[in-house]
Amino acid sequence: MDRLKLEDCVNEICPWSGDPVSADSLTLLDGEVVGFCNPGCRDKFEKAIQHFKQCREQS
């Protein structure tokens, strides 16, 4: 996978904290780059998304 870039990010503010996003805290959601203020917020988001995907597969 190509390295995610801050300039491709769809948001400027972390949805968890309200702080500005950071280049080391990016992830993909439905093909779009989403940013977070730190890796902990990013990882929390990725874990939540994975949980919802698993729930959807079970229903």
PDB file of N, CA and C in Angstrom:
ATOM      1  N   MET A   1       0.846  -1.176   0.000  1.00  0.00           N
ATOM      2  CA  MET A   1       0.000   0.000   0.000  1.00  0.00           C
ATOM      3  C   MET A   1       0.889   1.237   0.000  1.00  0.00           C
ATOM      4  N   ASP A   2       0.468   2.246  -0.772  1.00  0.00           N
ATOM      5  CA  ASP A   2       1.197   3.503  -0.788  1.00  0.00           C
ATOM      6  C   ASP A   2       1.099   4.167   0.577  1.00  0.00           C
ATOM      7  N   ARG A   3       2.093   4.965   0.863  1.00  0.00           N
ATOM      8  CA  ARG A   3       2.091   5.722   2.115  1.00  0.00           C
ATOM      9  C   ARG A   3       0.965   6.757   2.082  1.00  0.00           C
ATOM     10  N   LEU A   4       0.185   6.821   3.141  1.00  0.00           N
ATOM     11  CA  LEU A   4      -0.905   7.785   3.220  1.00  0.00           C
ATOM     12  C   LEU A   4      -0.329   9.176   3.422  1.00  0.00           C
ATOM     13  N   LYS A   5      -0.980  10.169   2.814  1.00  0.00           N
ATOM     14  CA  LYS A   5      -0.461  11.544   2.856  1.00  0.00           C
ATOM     15  C   LYS A   5      -1.466  12.465   3.526  1.00  0.00           C
ATOM     16  N   LEU A   6      -0.944  13.359   4.344  1.00  0.00           N
ATOM     17  CA  LEU A   6      -1.780  14.315   5.065  1.00  0.00           C
ATOM     18  C   LEU A   6      -2.598  15.178   4.105  1.00  0.00           C
ATOM     19  N   GLU A   7      -2.024  15.534   2.973  1.00  0.00           N
ATOM     20  CA  GLU A   7      -2.741  16.388   2.024  1.00  0.00           C
ATOM     21  C   GLU A   7      -3.940  15.679   1.377  1.00  0.00           C
ATOM     22  N   ASP A   8      -4.001  14.354   1.476  1.00  0.00           N
ATOM     23  CA  ASP A   8      -5.133  13.592   0.939  1.00  0.00           C
ATOM     24  C   ASP A   8      -6.239  13.370   1.977  1.00  0.00           C
ATOM     25  N   CYS A   9      -5.999  13.802   3.191  1.00  0.00           N
ATOM     26  CA  CYS A   9      -6.915  13.577   4.301  1.00  0.00           C
ATOM     27  C   CYS A   9      -8.222  14.347   4.094  1.00  0.00           C
ATOM     28  N   VAL A  10      -9.361  13.707   4.376  1.00  0.00           N
ATOM     29  CA  VAL A  10     -10.680  14.339   4.198  1.00  0.00           C
ATOM     30  C   VAL A  10     -11.069  15.228   5.383  1.00  0.00           C
ATOM     31  N   ASN A  11     -10.333  15.160   6.480  1.00  0.00           N
ATOM     32  CA  ASN A  11     -10.648  15.971   7.659  1.00  0.00           C
ATOM     33  C   ASN A  11      -9.388  16.652   8.184  1.00  0.00           C
ATOM     34  N   GLU A  12      -9.586  17.744   8.880  1.00  0.00           N
ATOM     35  CA  GLU A  12      -8.467  18.476   9.485  1.00  0.00           C
ATOM     36  C   GLU A  12      -8.444  18.326  10.996  1.00  0.00           C
ATOM     37  N   ILE A  13      -9.566  17.886  11.560  1.00  0.00           N
ATOM     38  CA  ILE A  13      -9.726  17.774  13.014  1.00  0.00           C
ATOM     39  C   ILE A  13     -10.008  16.323  13.383  1.00  0.00           C
ATOM     40  N   CYS A  14      -9.331  15.839  14.415  1.00  0.00           N
ATOM     41  CA  CYS A  14      -9.531  14.475  14.908  1.00  0.00           C
ATOM     42  C   CYS A  14     -10.966  14.313  15.409  1.00  0.00           C
ATOM     43  N   PRO A  15     -11.694  13.304  14.913  1.00  0.00           N
ATOM     44  CA  PRO A  15     -13.074  13.102  15.365  1.00  0.00           C
ATOM     45  C   PRO A  15     -13.179  12.664  16.825  1.00  0.00           C
ATOM     46  N   TRP A  16     -12.117  12.136  17.410  1.00  0.00           N
ATOM     47  CA  TRP A  16     -12.157  11.719  18.809  1.00  0.00           C
ATOM     48  C   TRP A  16     -11.852  12.876  19.754  1.00  0.00           C
ATOM     49  N   SER A  17     -10.797  13.658  19.447  1.00  0.00           N
ATOM     50  CA  SER A  17     -10.318  14.650  20.414  1.00  0.00           C
ATOM     51  C   SER A  17     -10.651  16.097  20.065  1.00  0.00           C
ATOM     52  N   GLY A  18     -10.863  16.365  18.770  1.00  0.00           N
ATOM     53  CA  GLY A  18     -11.060  17.740  18.340  1.00  0.00           C
ATOM     54  C   GLY A  18      -9.758  18.471  18.055  1.00  0.00           C
ATOM     55  N   ASP A  19      -8.627  17.787  18.206  1.00  0.00           N
ATOM     56  CA  ASP A  19      -7.314  18.367  17.915  1.00  0.00           C
ATOM     57  C   ASP A  19      -6.985  18.219  16.432  1.00  0.00           C
ATOM     58  N   PRO A  20      -6.029  18.991  15.920  1.00  0.00           N
ATOM     59  CA  PRO A  20      -5.621  18.858  14.515  1.00  0.00           C
ATOM     60  C   PRO A  20      -5.063  17.465  14.222  1.00  0.00           C
ATOM     61  N   VAL A  21      -5.271  16.994  13.000  1.00  0.00           N
ATOM     62  CA  VAL A  21      -4.762  15.674  12.613  1.00  0.00           C
ATOM     63  C   VAL A  21      -3.249  15.728  12.427  1.00  0.00           C
ATOM     64  N   SER A  22      -2.626  14.560  12.506  1.00  0.00           N
ATOM     65  CA  SER A  22      -1.180  14.425  12.393  1.00  0.00           C
ATOM     66  C   SER A  22      -0.836  13.441  11.275  1.00  0.00           C
ATOM     67  N   ALA A  23       0.257  13.702  10.578  1.00  0.00           N
ATOM     68  CA  ALA A  23       0.664  12.865   9.443  1.00  0.00           C
ATOM     69  C   ALA A  23       0.962  11.423   9.846  1.00  0.00           C
ATOM     70  N   ASP A  24       1.303  11.175  11.106  1.00  0.00           N
ATOM     71  CA  ASP A  24       1.617   9.807  11.532  1.00  0.00           C
ATOM     72  C   ASP A  24       0.385   9.054  12.044  1.00  0.00           C
ATOM     73  N   SER A  25      -0.797   9.640  11.832  1.00  0.00           N
ATOM     74  CA  SER A  25      -2.021   9.060  12.402  1.00  0.00           C
ATOM     75  C   SER A  25      -3.147   8.990  11.382  1.00  0.00           C
ATOM     76  N   LEU A  26      -2.826   8.494  10.206  1.00  0.00           N
ATOM     77  CA  LEU A  26      -3.789   8.407   9.117  1.00  0.00           C
ATOM     78  C   LEU A  26      -4.209   6.962   8.889  1.00  0.00           C
ATOM     79  N   THR A  27      -5.413   6.786   8.380  1.00  0.00           N
ATOM     80  CA  THR A  27      -5.906   5.459   8.014  1.00  0.00           C
ATOM     81  C   THR A  27      -6.850   5.605   6.830  1.00  0.00           C
ATOM     82  N   LEU A  28      -7.262   4.488   6.276  1.00  0.00           N
ATOM     83  CA  LEU A  28      -8.212   4.491   5.168  1.00  0.00           C
ATOM     84  C   LEU A  28      -9.573   4.021   5.641  1.00  0.00           C
ATOM     85  N   LEU A  29     -10.608   4.669   5.135  1.00  0.00           N
ATOM     86  CA  LEU A  29     -11.986   4.241   5.364  1.00  0.00           C
ATOM     87  C   LEU A  29     -12.710   4.378   4.040  1.00  0.00           C
ATOM     88  N   ASP A  30     -13.153   3.259   3.504  1.00  0.00           N
ATOM     89  CA  ASP A  30     -13.858   3.242   2.225  1.00  0.00           C
ATOM     90  C   ASP A  30     -13.073   3.979   1.136  1.00  0.00           C
ATOM     91  N   GLY A  31     -11.762   3.789   1.137  1.00  0.00           N
ATOM     92  CA  GLY A  31     -10.897   4.362   0.103  1.00  0.00           C
ATOM     93  C   GLY A  31     -10.497   5.801   0.327  1.00  0.00           C
ATOM     94  N   GLU A  32     -10.913   6.410   1.428  1.00  0.00           N
ATOM     95  CA  GLU A  32     -10.554   7.795   1.714  1.00  0.00           C
ATOM     96  C   GLU A  32      -9.640   7.861   2.932  1.00  0.00           C
ATOM     97  N   VAL A  33      -8.719   8.824   2.900  1.00  0.00           N
ATOM     98  CA  VAL A  33      -7.780   9.007   4.007  1.00  0.00           C
ATOM     99  C   VAL A  33      -8.474   9.797   5.112  1.00  0.00           C
ATOM    100  N   VAL A  34      -8.462   9.227   6.314  1.00  0.00           N
ATOM    101  CA  VAL A  34      -9.041   9.864   7.494  1.00  0.00           C
ATOM    102  C   VAL A  34      -7.905  10.080   8.490  1.00  0.00           C
ATOM    103  N   GLY A  35      -7.880  11.277   9.097  1.00  0.00           N
ATOM    104  CA  GLY A  35      -6.795  11.615  10.009  1.00  0.00           C
ATOM    105  C   GLY A  35      -7.229  11.716  11.452  1.00  0.00           C
ATOM    106  N   PHE A  36      -6.258  11.493  12.339  1.00  0.00           N
ATOM    107  CA  PHE A  36      -6.446  11.569  13.781  1.00  0.00           C
ATOM    108  C   PHE A  36      -5.268  12.320  14.375  1.00  0.00           C
ATOM    109  N   CYS A  37      -5.408  12.757  15.621  1.00  0.00           N
ATOM    110  CA  CYS A  37      -4.368  13.571  16.239  1.00  0.00           C
ATOM    111  C   CYS A  37      -3.162  12.753  16.694  1.00  0.00           C
ATOM    112  N   ASN A  38      -3.356  11.480  16.922  1.00  0.00           N
ATOM    113  CA  ASN A  38      -2.246  10.613  17.358  1.00  0.00           C
ATOM    114  C   ASN A  38      -2.580   9.162  17.004  1.00  0.00           C
ATOM    115  N   PRO A  39      -1.574   8.284  17.023  1.00  0.00           N
ATOM    116  CA  PRO A  39      -1.822   6.884  16.673  1.00  0.00           C
ATOM    117  C   PRO A  39      -2.831   6.190  17.587  1.00  0.00           C
ATOM    118  N   GLY A  40      -2.941   6.609  18.843  1.00  0.00           N
ATOM    119  CA  GLY A  40      -3.905   5.991  19.751  1.00  0.00           C
ATOM    120  C   GLY A  40      -5.343   6.216  19.292  1.00  0.00           C
ATOM    121  N   CYS A  41      -5.644   7.447  18.873  1.00  0.00           N
ATOM    122  CA  CYS A  41      -6.990   7.737  18.356  1.00  0.00           C
ATOM    123  C   CYS A  41      -7.234   6.961  17.071  1.00  0.00           C
ATOM    124  N   ARG A  42      -6.235   6.918  16.193  1.00  0.00           N
ATOM    125  CA  ARG A  42      -6.368   6.158  14.940  1.00  0.00           C
ATOM    126  C   ARG A  42      -6.641   4.694  15.224  1.00  0.00           C
ATOM    127  N   ASP A  43      -5.879   4.114  16.152  1.00  0.00           N
ATOM    128  CA  ASP A  43      -6.038   2.695  16.464  1.00  0.00           C
ATOM    129  C   ASP A  43      -7.401   2.408  17.087  1.00  0.00           C
ATOM    130  N   LYS A  44      -7.896   3.316  17.922  1.00  0.00           N
ATOM    131  CA  LYS A  44      -9.220   3.160  18.519  1.00  0.00           C
ATOM    132  C   LYS A  44     -10.292   3.156  17.418  1.00  0.00           C
ATOM    133  N   PHE A  45     -10.142   4.036  16.444  1.00  0.00           N
ATOM    134  CA  PHE A  45     -11.067   4.111  15.315  1.00  0.00           C
ATOM    135  C   PHE A  45     -11.017   2.825  14.494  1.00  0.00           C
ATOM    136  N   GLU A  46      -9.805   2.357  14.166  1.00  0.00           N
ATOM    137  CA  GLU A  46      -9.670   1.131  13.371  1.00  0.00           C
ATOM    138  C   GLU A  46     -10.288  -0.056  14.090  1.00  0.00           C
ATOM    139  N   LYS A  47     -10.123  -0.127  15.405  1.00  0.00           N
ATOM    140  CA  LYS A  47     -10.706  -1.224  16.180  1.00  0.00           C
ATOM    141  C   LYS A  47     -12.235  -1.152  16.140  1.00  0.00           C
ATOM    142  N   ALA A  48     -12.791   0.058  16.258  1.00  0.00           N
ATOM    143  CA  ALA A  48     -14.248   0.221  16.215  1.00  0.00           C
ATOM    144  C   ALA A  48     -14.791  -0.168  14.849  1.00  0.00           C
ATOM    145  N   ILE A  49     -14.136   0.258  13.784  1.00  0.00           N
ATOM    146  CA  ILE A  49     -14.572  -0.083  12.426  1.00  0.00           C
ATOM    147  C   ILE A  49     -14.533  -1.594  12.218  1.00  0.00           C
ATOM    148  N   GLN A  50     -13.473  -2.234  12.676  1.00  0.00           N
ATOM    149  CA  GLN A  50     -13.358  -3.690  12.541  1.00  0.00           C
ATOM    150  C   GLN A  50     -14.496  -4.385  13.284  1.00  0.00           C
ATOM    151  N   HIS A  51     -14.828  -3.893  14.470  1.00  0.00           N
ATOM    152  CA  HIS A  51     -15.926  -4.461  15.254  1.00  0.00           C
ATOM    153  C   HIS A  51     -17.250  -4.349  14.482  1.00  0.00           C
ATOM    154  N   PHE A  52     -17.526  -3.178  13.911  1.00  0.00           N
ATOM    155  CA  PHE A  52     -18.772  -2.990  13.164  1.00  0.00           C
ATOM    156  C   PHE A  52     -18.826  -3.869  11.920  1.00  0.00           C
ATOM    157  N   LYS A  53     -17.697  -4.039  11.245  1.00  0.00           N
ATOM    158  CA  LYS A  53     -17.667  -4.910  10.071  1.00  0.00           C
ATOM    159  C   LYS A  53     -17.967  -6.351  10.453  1.00  0.00           C
ATOM    160  N   GLN A  54     -17.412  -6.798  11.577  1.00  0.00           N
ATOM    161  CA  GLN A  54     -17.673  -8.160  12.044  1.00  0.00           C
ATOM    162  C   GLN A  54     -19.141  -8.333  12.413  1.00  0.00           C
ATOM    163  N   CYS A  55     -19.726  -7.345  13.043  1.00  0.00           N
ATOM    164  CA  CYS A  55     -21.148  -7.401  13.408  1.00  0.00           C
ATOM    165  C   CYS A  55     -22.015  -7.491  12.154  1.00  0.00           C
ATOM    166  N   ARG A  56     -21.671  -6.726  11.148  1.00  0.00           N
ATOM    167  CA  ARG A  56     -22.433  -6.722   9.896  1.00  0.00           C
ATOM    168  C   ARG A  56     -22.357  -8.103   9.218  1.00  0.00           C
ATOM    169  N   GLU A  57     -21.174  -8.716   9.261  1.00  0.00           N
ATOM    170  CA  GLU A  57     -21.001 -10.040   8.649  1.00  0.00           C
ATOM    171  C   GLU A  57     -21.814 -11.110   9.361  1.00  0.00           C
ATOM    172  N   GLN A  58     -22.030 -10.946  10.654  1.00  0.00           N
ATOM    173  CA  GLN A  58     -22.762 -11.930  11.443  1.00  0.00           C
ATOM    174  C   GLN A  58     -24.276 -11.802  11.275  1.00  0.00           C
ATOM    175  N   SER A  59     -24.742 -10.665  10.786  1.00  0.00           N
ATOM    176  CA  SER A  59     -26.195 -10.480  10.686  1.00  0.00           C
ATOM    177  C   SER A  59     -26.727 -10.902   9.334  1.00  0.00           C
TER     178      SER A  59
END
